N, C-alpha and C. Protein backbone atom coordinates (compact mmCIF):
# COMPACT_ATOMS: atom_id res chain seq x y z
N UNK A 1 83.03 94.00 89.76
CA UNK A 1 83.90 95.36 89.75
C UNK A 1 84.39 95.74 90.97
N UNK A 2 85.73 96.17 91.02
CA UNK A 2 86.14 96.73 92.32
C UNK A 2 85.91 98.14 92.33
N UNK A 3 85.89 98.62 93.61
CA UNK A 3 85.54 100.06 93.66
C UNK A 3 86.47 100.86 92.88
N UNK A 4 87.82 100.57 92.69
CA UNK A 4 88.85 101.34 91.94
C UNK A 4 88.28 101.52 90.52
N UNK A 5 87.98 100.40 90.00
CA UNK A 5 87.40 100.29 88.53
C UNK A 5 86.11 100.99 88.37
N UNK A 6 85.28 100.98 89.31
CA UNK A 6 84.01 101.65 89.37
C UNK A 6 84.22 103.23 89.33
N UNK A 7 85.14 103.67 90.11
CA UNK A 7 85.46 104.97 90.35
C UNK A 7 86.07 105.46 89.05
N UNK A 8 86.82 104.89 88.25
CA UNK A 8 87.45 105.26 86.94
C UNK A 8 86.26 105.27 85.87
N UNK A 9 85.35 104.38 86.01
CA UNK A 9 84.43 104.14 84.86
C UNK A 9 83.21 105.12 85.03
N UNK A 10 83.09 105.74 86.13
CA UNK A 10 81.78 106.58 86.34
C UNK A 10 81.90 107.77 85.53
N UNK A 11 80.73 108.22 85.21
CA UNK A 11 80.66 109.40 84.01
C UNK A 11 81.36 110.55 84.74
N UNK A 12 81.85 111.35 84.18
CA UNK A 12 82.61 112.60 84.48
C UNK A 12 81.78 113.42 84.95
N UNK A 13 82.13 114.33 86.03
CA UNK A 13 81.42 115.42 86.63
C UNK A 13 81.23 116.65 85.77
N UNK A 14 80.93 117.66 86.28
CA UNK A 14 80.52 118.93 85.64
C UNK A 14 81.85 119.57 85.12
N UNK A 15 83.08 119.14 85.61
CA UNK A 15 84.30 119.56 85.08
C UNK A 15 84.87 118.86 83.80
N UNK A 16 84.03 117.58 83.72
CA UNK A 16 84.62 116.86 82.60
C UNK A 16 85.60 115.83 82.92
N UNK A 17 85.89 115.88 84.38
CA UNK A 17 86.96 114.95 84.82
C UNK A 17 86.53 113.94 85.69
N UNK A 18 86.94 112.72 85.82
CA UNK A 18 86.54 111.74 86.68
C UNK A 18 87.34 112.00 87.97
N UNK A 19 87.07 111.21 89.10
CA UNK A 19 87.81 111.51 90.53
C UNK A 19 89.33 111.29 90.34
N UNK A 20 89.63 110.17 89.59
CA UNK A 20 91.15 110.00 89.36
C UNK A 20 91.75 111.02 88.81
N UNK A 21 91.35 111.60 87.88
CA UNK A 21 91.89 112.72 87.14
C UNK A 21 91.92 113.99 87.93
N UNK A 22 90.91 114.30 88.72
CA UNK A 22 90.74 115.31 89.77
C UNK A 22 91.92 115.11 90.77
N UNK A 23 92.23 113.84 91.25
CA UNK A 23 93.30 113.55 92.31
C UNK A 23 94.56 113.71 91.67
N UNK A 24 94.80 113.38 90.37
CA UNK A 24 96.05 113.49 89.65
C UNK A 24 96.42 114.83 89.51
N UNK A 25 95.38 115.76 89.09
CA UNK A 25 95.61 117.25 88.85
C UNK A 25 96.00 117.87 90.37
N UNK A 26 95.41 117.64 91.37
CA UNK A 26 95.49 117.79 92.76
C UNK A 26 97.07 117.60 93.11
N UNK A 27 97.43 116.29 92.71
CA UNK A 27 98.64 115.89 93.09
C UNK A 27 99.69 116.73 92.49
N UNK A 28 99.53 116.98 91.18
CA UNK A 28 100.47 117.76 90.37
C UNK A 28 100.66 119.11 90.87
N UNK A 29 99.62 119.87 91.28
CA UNK A 29 99.56 121.13 91.75
C UNK A 29 100.29 121.22 93.04
N UNK A 30 99.92 120.20 93.90
CA UNK A 30 100.73 120.21 95.36
C UNK A 30 102.34 119.77 94.97
N UNK A 31 102.56 118.92 94.26
CA UNK A 31 103.95 118.66 93.95
C UNK A 31 104.79 119.77 93.41
N UNK A 32 104.11 120.51 92.44
CA UNK A 32 104.72 121.57 91.85
C UNK A 32 104.94 122.77 92.84
N UNK A 33 103.99 122.97 93.49
CA UNK A 33 103.99 124.01 94.47
C UNK A 33 105.02 123.95 95.70
N UNK A 34 105.07 122.67 96.13
CA UNK A 34 105.97 122.29 97.17
C UNK A 34 107.33 121.84 96.77
N UNK A 35 107.59 121.60 95.47
CA UNK A 35 108.81 121.17 94.97
C UNK A 35 108.97 119.63 95.19
N UNK A 36 108.06 118.90 95.62
CA UNK A 36 108.11 117.51 95.89
C UNK A 36 108.65 116.83 94.54
N UNK A 37 109.50 116.01 94.78
CA UNK A 37 110.11 115.14 93.66
C UNK A 37 111.22 115.94 92.86
N UNK A 38 111.67 117.11 93.06
CA UNK A 38 112.77 117.71 92.79
C UNK A 38 114.06 117.42 93.53
N UNK A 39 115.34 117.36 92.72
CA UNK A 39 116.46 117.02 93.52
C UNK A 39 117.13 118.31 94.11
N UNK A 40 117.01 119.41 93.43
CA UNK A 40 117.68 120.63 93.90
C UNK A 40 116.86 121.40 94.91
N UNK A 41 117.36 122.48 95.45
CA UNK A 41 116.73 123.24 96.34
C UNK A 41 115.89 124.04 95.64
N UNK A 42 114.48 124.04 96.11
CA UNK A 42 113.39 124.67 95.49
C UNK A 42 112.70 125.74 96.24
N UNK A 43 111.88 126.47 95.84
CA UNK A 43 111.12 127.35 96.56
C UNK A 43 109.84 126.71 97.00
N UNK A 44 109.24 127.37 97.89
CA UNK A 44 107.94 126.80 98.24
C UNK A 44 107.92 126.28 99.75
N UNK A 45 107.21 125.37 100.08
CA UNK A 45 107.19 124.75 101.34
C UNK A 45 108.10 123.55 101.36
N UNK A 46 109.32 123.64 101.20
CA UNK A 46 110.31 122.50 101.15
C UNK A 46 110.39 121.86 102.56
N UNK A 47 110.52 122.50 103.49
CA UNK A 47 110.75 122.00 104.88
C UNK A 47 112.27 121.68 105.04
N UNK A 48 112.26 120.29 105.52
CA UNK A 48 113.82 119.78 105.55
C UNK A 48 114.36 119.53 104.24
N UNK A 49 115.68 119.90 104.27
CA UNK A 49 116.41 119.81 102.91
C UNK A 49 117.37 118.61 102.94
N UNK A 50 116.62 117.36 102.88
CA UNK A 50 117.43 116.04 102.83
C UNK A 50 117.25 115.70 101.36
N UNK A 51 118.59 115.19 101.08
CA UNK A 51 118.47 114.68 99.67
C UNK A 51 117.85 113.22 99.56
N UNK A 52 116.74 112.98 98.78
CA UNK A 52 116.22 111.73 98.74
C UNK A 52 116.52 110.96 97.37
N UNK A 53 116.56 109.54 97.65
CA UNK A 53 116.97 108.82 96.47
C UNK A 53 115.60 108.99 95.51
N UNK A 54 115.96 108.61 94.22
CA UNK A 54 114.72 108.51 93.25
C UNK A 54 113.62 107.56 93.77
N UNK A 55 113.91 106.46 94.32
CA UNK A 55 112.93 105.54 94.79
C UNK A 55 112.11 106.13 96.01
N UNK A 56 112.88 107.00 96.96
CA UNK A 56 111.94 107.69 97.87
C UNK A 56 111.15 108.77 97.39
N UNK A 57 111.54 109.44 96.36
CA UNK A 57 110.88 110.42 95.60
C UNK A 57 109.64 110.00 95.04
N UNK A 58 109.75 108.83 94.24
CA UNK A 58 108.49 108.23 93.70
C UNK A 58 107.60 107.63 94.80
N UNK A 59 108.12 107.17 95.65
CA UNK A 59 107.23 106.67 96.82
C UNK A 59 106.46 107.80 97.74
N UNK A 60 107.11 108.90 97.74
CA UNK A 60 106.30 110.13 98.30
C UNK A 60 105.29 110.53 97.38
N UNK A 61 105.64 110.65 96.04
CA UNK A 61 104.57 110.97 95.04
C UNK A 61 103.48 110.14 95.13
N UNK A 62 103.64 108.92 95.19
CA UNK A 62 102.65 107.85 95.11
C UNK A 62 101.57 107.94 96.40
N UNK A 63 102.41 108.20 97.58
CA UNK A 63 101.68 108.37 98.86
C UNK A 63 100.81 109.78 98.82
N UNK A 64 101.41 110.74 98.06
CA UNK A 64 100.52 111.87 97.91
C UNK A 64 99.58 111.76 96.90
N UNK A 65 99.42 111.17 95.83
CA UNK A 65 98.40 110.72 95.06
C UNK A 65 97.40 109.96 95.84
N UNK A 66 97.80 109.03 96.51
CA UNK A 66 96.70 108.10 97.34
C UNK A 66 95.97 109.13 98.18
N UNK A 67 96.71 109.90 98.84
CA UNK A 67 95.98 111.00 99.83
C UNK A 67 95.08 111.86 99.29
N UNK A 68 95.36 112.34 97.86
CA UNK A 68 94.63 113.08 97.01
C UNK A 68 93.41 112.37 96.82
N UNK A 69 93.48 111.05 96.18
CA UNK A 69 92.15 110.43 95.74
C UNK A 69 91.39 110.10 96.96
N UNK A 70 91.96 109.78 98.18
CA UNK A 70 90.99 109.84 99.32
C UNK A 70 90.34 111.08 99.74
N UNK A 71 90.94 112.30 99.50
CA UNK A 71 90.16 113.42 99.76
C UNK A 71 89.29 113.75 98.78
N UNK A 72 89.55 113.38 97.56
CA UNK A 72 88.55 113.71 96.52
C UNK A 72 87.39 112.80 96.63
N UNK A 73 87.42 111.51 96.93
CA UNK A 73 86.42 110.53 97.30
C UNK A 73 85.59 111.19 98.46
N UNK A 74 86.24 111.63 99.53
CA UNK A 74 85.31 112.08 100.80
C UNK A 74 84.60 113.28 100.26
N UNK A 75 85.18 114.24 99.47
CA UNK A 75 84.43 115.31 99.12
C UNK A 75 83.67 115.58 97.99
N UNK A 76 83.23 114.36 97.47
CA UNK A 76 82.38 114.29 96.08
C UNK A 76 81.22 113.33 96.27
């Protein structure tokens, strides 16, 4: 088994969520709070107001999810 499969198949922690689910929720929270993936001007920590293509937005979300997975793995 690969580490990725093992991480998904491990029993859920006290919250009832496995590490991938926690990382996904963290990604969702950060994306919603910062407006990541939205096309219009949003509130929050938007920073630079450059228009991104849908492909760039997807890539940014995937990178964020991977960073969240790494962080959750480090702290569990």
